[in-house]
Amino acid sequence: MATEAFTVRAESDIVHQIDFLADALDRSRNYLVNLALKEYLETHAWQIEKVIQGMAAADRGELVAHEDVMREMEALVELKVKGQM
């Protein structure tokens, strides 16, 4: 895969943490930063897609009443407290 260089300014403590992890894992700073960026982008792309899907569902009127959601959550909490989950 092709790569491109770009510059990022980070707080010193972040750079030190990256360097510590890179040394501990016997990896380069570049490797860790690329891994972190990839994971960040994947996570946020997934979250944004879910928000867009939710907004589209709401626009179509596909909603669940707050009371129904709370009732279901309370039932799940009760099961968890009783150790049945």
Protein backbone atom coordinates (compact mmCIF):
# COMPACT_ATOMS: atom_id res chain seq x y z
CA MET A 1 0.00 0.00 0.00
CA ALA A 2 1.28 3.46 -0.87
CA THR A 3 2.19 5.76 1.99
CA GLU A 4 2.29 9.51 2.32
CA ALA A 5 4.19 11.60 4.83
CA PHE A 6 2.50 14.27 6.91
CA THR A 7 3.43 16.11 10.08
CA VAL A 8 1.50 16.05 13.33
CA ARG A 9 2.25 18.07 16.41
CA ALA A 10 1.39 16.26 19.63
CA GLU A 11 1.70 17.01 23.31
CA SER A 12 5.02 15.86 24.74
CA ASP A 13 3.43 13.34 27.10
CA ILE A 14 1.64 11.67 24.17
CA VAL A 15 4.89 11.42 22.22
CA HIS A 16 6.62 9.93 25.29
CA GLN A 17 3.84 7.38 25.70
CA ILE A 18 4.08 6.40 22.04
CA ASP A 19 7.85 6.07 22.32
CA PHE A 20 7.52 3.97 25.49
CA LEU A 21 5.03 1.60 23.82
CA ALA A 22 7.07 1.44 20.65
CA ASP A 23 10.14 0.46 22.62
CA ALA A 24 8.24 -2.07 24.76
CA LEU A 25 6.69 -3.69 21.67
CA ASP A 26 9.84 -3.43 19.57
CA ARG A 27 7.89 -1.43 16.99
CA SER A 28 8.45 1.95 15.41
CA ARG A 29 6.67 5.13 16.40
CA ASN A 30 5.35 5.21 12.82
CA TYR A 31 3.82 1.72 13.20
CA LEU A 32 1.97 2.65 16.40
CA VAL A 33 0.69 5.95 15.06
CA ASN A 34 -0.60 4.26 11.90
CA LEU A 35 -2.28 1.55 13.98
CA ALA A 36 -3.90 4.16 16.23
CA LEU A 37 -5.12 6.21 13.27
CA LYS A 38 -6.55 3.12 11.55
CA GLU A 39 -8.43 2.04 14.69
CA TYR A 40 -9.71 5.57 15.30
CA LEU A 41 -10.97 5.94 11.73
CA GLU A 42 -12.65 2.51 11.74
CA THR A 43 -14.38 3.20 15.06
CA HIS A 44 -15.61 6.64 14.13
CA ALA A 45 -16.72 5.61 10.65
CA TRP A 46 -18.82 2.85 12.25
CA GLN A 47 -20.31 5.27 14.80
CA ILE A 48 -21.13 7.88 12.17
CA GLU A 49 -22.78 5.27 9.94
CA LYS A 50 -24.94 4.09 12.87
CA VAL A 51 -25.97 7.68 13.67
CA ILE A 52 -26.91 8.27 10.02
CA GLN A 53 -28.94 5.03 9.99
CA GLY A 54 -30.67 6.03 13.22
CA MET A 55 -31.55 9.47 11.91
CA ALA A 56 -32.95 7.95 8.71
CA ALA A 57 -35.03 5.49 10.76
CA ALA A 58 -36.33 8.38 12.89
CA ASP A 59 -37.22 10.33 9.75
CA ARG A 60 -39.25 7.29 8.63
CA GLY A 61 -41.05 7.28 11.99
CA GLU A 62 -39.36 4.08 13.16
CA LEU A 63 -39.10 5.09 16.81
CA VAL A 64 -39.40 3.33 20.15
CA ALA A 65 -41.09 5.16 23.01
CA HIS A 66 -38.79 6.19 25.85
CA GLU A 67 -40.97 4.33 28.36
CA ASP A 68 -40.61 1.09 26.37
CA VAL A 69 -36.83 1.43 26.23
CA MET A 70 -36.64 2.12 29.97
CA ARG A 71 -38.87 -0.86 30.75
CA GLU A 72 -36.63 -3.15 28.71
CA MET A 73 -33.45 -1.75 30.28
CA GLU A 74 -34.86 -2.17 33.80
CA ALA A 75 -35.72 -5.80 33.01
CA LEU A 76 -32.17 -6.41 31.75
CA VAL A 77 -30.67 -4.79 34.86
CA GLU A 78 -32.88 -6.95 37.08
CA LEU A 79 -31.73 -10.10 35.27
CA LYS A 80 -28.10 -9.03 35.64
CA VAL A 81 -28.54 -8.32 39.36
CA LYS A 82 -30.12 -11.74 39.86
CA GLY A 83 -27.21 -13.34 38.02
CA GLN A 84 -29.39 -14.70 35.24
CA MET A 85 -27.48 -12.92 32.52
